[in-house]
Amino acid sequence: MKHATQRLLSLAIAIALFLGALFAFFNLVQPAYQSSQLVKAQKISKENFLKNQQETIKQVKTVVDAYKGNGNLQNLTALALPPSRDEANLVNQINVLATKHGIAIQNLTISAPTARSVTSKTKATASSSLVRPIGVLTIQVRATASYANFRQFLESVENNIRVTDVNGLTVTPLGRPNQDYYGYDLALATYYQNP
């Protein structure tokens, strides 16, 4: 064989090997790589799911422990819906929330309680029932604060352990028009177990 023929033959073999390597890469290696990437993505997805589930379980355990720490369900219900009017505690709760959020309370008035029946049964049936009527205390609060502070105060009132509804709100600007300082007249209703 001639030297030129040997070179041409070795070049043809090199090109054939190169084309064979490309064929093997695109038909064998790349699909295996894509398959491994899919498996890796599924693994990461399952790990994230497991992590989220573990965090959820931890939060549930925290809530369960918090309820266990507060005693039985009756004590917890008594905090949300007290067995008596407990006006002093109510005033204290509102004052603590107002102080926490920088609210200046000008006036706080608690009206005479009213009873509201939770069922439409007759009085004899209601007295023999385990469900007692609910008493309602109406609170009028006049306060001054910035809008952001008052909004945080309202969120705290809504999330307070004692069940409280906001029945009315009047906002009056105080000071100059460019100041963020307002007067608020707030009507709240809170509930208690009426014996």
Protein backbone atom coordinates (compact mmCIF):
# COMPACT_ATOMS: atom_id res chain seq x y z
CA MET A 1 0.00 0.00 0.00
CA LYS A 2 1.13 3.43 -0.77
CA HIS A 3 1.78 6.02 1.81
CA ALA A 4 -0.98 8.35 0.44
CA THR A 5 -3.49 5.50 0.47
CA GLN A 6 -2.56 4.73 4.08
CA ARG A 7 -3.17 8.37 5.06
CA LEU A 8 -6.47 8.46 3.23
CA LEU A 9 -7.51 5.20 4.90
CA SER A 10 -6.49 6.43 8.37
CA LEU A 11 -8.36 9.70 7.75
CA ALA A 12 -11.46 7.77 6.69
CA ILE A 13 -11.20 5.58 9.82
CA ALA A 14 -10.75 8.71 12.00
CA ILE A 15 -13.82 10.34 10.42
CA ALA A 16 -15.80 7.11 10.85
CA LEU A 17 -14.75 6.90 14.52
CA PHE A 18 -15.65 10.59 15.03
CA LEU A 19 -19.08 10.07 13.41
CA GLY A 20 -19.52 6.92 15.52
CA ALA A 21 -18.70 8.92 18.66
CA LEU A 22 -21.25 11.62 17.68
CA PHE A 23 -23.83 8.92 16.98
CA ALA A 24 -23.16 7.30 20.37
CA PHE A 25 -23.33 10.70 22.10
CA PHE A 26 -26.60 11.82 20.56
CA ASN A 27 -28.33 8.42 20.65
CA LEU A 28 -27.01 6.93 23.87
CA VAL A 29 -25.41 9.50 26.19
CA GLN A 30 -27.74 12.46 25.75
CA PRO A 31 -31.00 10.48 26.38
CA ALA A 32 -29.37 8.95 29.47
CA TYR A 33 -28.34 12.42 30.64
CA GLN A 34 -31.88 13.76 30.11
CA SER A 35 -33.25 10.76 31.97
CA SER A 36 -30.87 11.40 34.87
CA GLN A 37 -31.89 15.10 34.92
CA LEU A 38 -35.55 14.05 35.10
CA VAL A 39 -34.80 11.69 37.98
CA LYS A 40 -32.84 14.44 39.74
CA ALA A 41 -35.72 16.90 39.29
CA GLN A 42 -38.19 14.36 40.69
CA LYS A 43 -35.87 13.76 43.64
CA ILE A 44 -35.62 17.50 44.36
CA SER A 45 -39.39 17.85 44.03
CA LYS A 46 -39.99 15.00 46.47
CA GLU A 47 -37.42 16.44 48.90
CA ASN A 48 -39.18 19.83 48.78
CA PHE A 49 -42.54 18.13 49.33
CA LEU A 50 -41.12 16.21 52.28
CA LYS A 51 -39.61 19.39 53.73
CA ASN A 52 -42.95 21.24 53.39
CA GLN A 53 -44.80 18.36 55.02
CA GLN A 54 -42.31 18.26 57.89
CA GLU A 55 -42.71 22.02 58.43
CA THR A 56 -46.50 21.62 58.39
CA ILE A 57 -46.29 18.79 60.92
CA LYS A 58 -44.01 20.92 63.10
CA GLN A 59 -46.51 23.82 62.97
CA VAL A 60 -49.40 21.51 63.86
CA LYS A 61 -47.40 20.11 66.78
CA THR A 62 -46.67 23.66 67.94
CA VAL A 63 -50.37 24.53 67.85
CA VAL A 64 -51.28 21.30 69.66
CA ASP A 65 -48.61 21.98 72.29
CA ALA A 66 -49.91 25.54 72.69
CA TYR A 67 -53.41 24.22 73.33
CA LYS A 68 -52.05 21.62 75.74
CA GLY A 69 -50.17 24.37 77.57
CA ASN A 70 -53.36 26.40 78.00
CA GLY A 71 -55.17 23.65 79.84
CA ASN A 72 -58.36 22.11 78.66
CA LEU A 73 -60.68 23.35 75.97
CA GLN A 74 -63.05 24.89 78.51
CA ASN A 75 -60.33 27.25 79.77
CA LEU A 76 -59.44 28.22 76.22
CA THR A 77 -63.10 28.89 75.42
CA ALA A 78 -63.38 30.97 78.58
CA LEU A 79 -60.60 33.21 77.27
CA ALA A 80 -62.37 33.74 73.92
CA LEU A 81 -65.88 33.93 75.40
CA PRO A 82 -65.59 34.74 79.14
CA PRO A 83 -68.21 33.38 81.55
CA SER A 84 -68.88 36.92 82.86
CA ARG A 85 -68.65 40.48 81.52
CA ASP A 86 -65.11 40.92 82.89
CA GLU A 87 -65.02 44.61 81.94
CA ALA A 88 -61.75 45.29 83.76
CA ASN A 89 -59.91 42.67 81.74
CA LEU A 90 -61.50 43.99 78.53
CA VAL A 91 -60.34 47.56 79.26
CA ASN A 92 -56.88 46.23 80.10
CA GLN A 93 -56.67 44.28 76.82
CA ILE A 94 -57.68 47.33 74.76
CA ASN A 95 -55.25 49.55 76.69
CA VAL A 96 -52.35 47.10 76.21
CA LEU A 97 -53.05 46.83 72.47
CA ALA A 98 -53.33 50.61 72.15
CA THR A 99 -50.08 51.19 74.05
CA LYS A 100 -48.30 48.54 71.99
CA HIS A 101 -49.20 50.33 68.74
CA GLY A 102 -48.78 53.94 69.90
CA ILE A 103 -52.50 54.77 70.05
CA ALA A 104 -53.55 57.61 72.38
CA ILE A 105 -56.96 56.70 73.83
CA GLN A 106 -58.96 59.83 74.59
CA ASN A 107 -62.15 58.16 75.80
CA LEU A 108 -63.37 54.61 76.37
CA THR A 109 -67.00 53.89 77.19
CA ILE A 110 -68.61 50.51 77.87
CA SER A 111 -72.38 50.40 77.45
CA ALA A 112 -74.84 48.37 79.44
CA PRO A 113 -74.81 44.73 78.37
CA THR A 114 -77.56 43.19 76.30
CA ALA A 115 -78.35 39.50 75.95
CA ARG A 116 -78.71 37.80 72.61
CA SER A 117 -80.11 34.30 72.32
CA VAL A 118 -78.22 31.90 70.11
CA THR A 119 -81.33 29.86 69.29
CA SER A 120 -84.95 30.63 68.55
CA LYS A 121 -86.30 28.10 71.08
CA THR A 122 -88.65 29.02 73.89
CA LYS A 123 -87.23 30.22 77.18
CA ALA A 124 -87.98 26.93 78.97
CA THR A 125 -86.20 24.92 76.30
CA ALA A 126 -83.27 27.33 76.25
CA SER A 127 -82.82 27.16 80.03
CA SER A 128 -82.62 23.37 79.95
CA SER A 129 -80.16 23.47 77.06
CA LEU A 130 -76.40 23.46 77.43
CA VAL A 131 -76.18 26.49 75.16
CA ARG A 132 -76.51 29.72 77.10
CA PRO A 133 -77.42 33.08 75.61
CA ILE A 134 -74.53 35.33 74.74
CA GLY A 135 -74.14 38.73 76.36
CA VAL A 136 -72.92 41.64 74.27
CA LEU A 137 -70.84 44.54 75.55
CA THR A 138 -70.59 47.59 73.30
CA ILE A 139 -67.43 49.65 73.61
CA GLN A 140 -66.93 53.15 72.20
CA VAL A 141 -63.30 54.15 71.82
CA ARG A 142 -62.09 57.61 70.82
CA ALA A 143 -58.40 57.65 69.95
CA THR A 144 -55.74 59.50 67.99
CA ALA A 145 -52.88 58.00 66.02
CA SER A 146 -51.27 57.70 62.61
CA TYR A 147 -53.06 55.57 60.05
CA ALA A 148 -50.40 52.83 60.05
CA ASN A 149 -50.47 52.52 63.86
CA PHE A 150 -54.25 52.43 63.96
CA ARG A 151 -54.36 49.77 61.24
CA GLN A 152 -51.97 47.59 63.28
CA PHE A 153 -54.14 48.20 66.34
CA LEU A 154 -57.24 47.02 64.46
CA GLU A 155 -55.41 43.89 63.30
CA SER A 156 -54.44 43.17 66.91
CA VAL A 157 -58.04 43.65 68.06
CA GLU A 158 -59.23 41.26 65.35
CA ASN A 159 -56.62 38.65 66.32
CA ASN A 160 -57.09 39.08 70.07
CA ILE A 161 -58.06 35.96 72.04
CA ARG A 162 -61.35 37.58 73.12
CA VAL A 163 -63.96 37.59 70.35
CA THR A 164 -64.44 41.22 69.28
CA ASP A 165 -66.27 42.72 66.30
CA VAL A 166 -65.74 46.17 64.84
CA ASN A 167 -69.24 47.66 64.41
CA GLY A 168 -68.31 51.13 63.26
CA LEU A 169 -65.42 53.43 62.52
CA THR A 170 -65.26 57.17 61.89
CA VAL A 171 -61.99 58.77 60.82
CA THR A 172 -61.38 62.50 61.25
CA PRO A 173 -58.21 64.23 60.02
CA LEU A 174 -56.37 66.17 62.70
CA GLY A 175 -53.72 68.81 62.15
CA ARG A 176 -52.54 69.94 58.74
CA PRO A 177 -53.62 68.17 55.54
CA ASN A 178 -50.15 66.72 54.88
CA GLN A 179 -49.85 65.15 58.36
CA ASP A 180 -50.60 61.47 58.89
CA TYR A 181 -52.50 61.99 62.14
CA TYR A 182 -56.17 61.20 62.60
CA GLY A 183 -58.90 60.98 65.20
CA TYR A 184 -60.82 57.70 65.34
CA ASP A 185 -64.23 56.93 66.78
CA LEU A 186 -64.43 53.16 67.01
CA ALA A 187 -67.44 51.05 67.98
CA LEU A 188 -66.60 47.54 69.18
CA ALA A 189 -68.78 44.65 70.32
CA THR A 190 -67.43 41.87 72.49
CA TYR A 191 -69.22 38.85 73.83
CA TYR A 192 -69.48 36.85 77.02
CA GLN A 193 -71.46 33.89 78.32
CA ASN A 194 -74.62 35.22 79.90
CA PRO A 195 -75.48 33.11 82.98
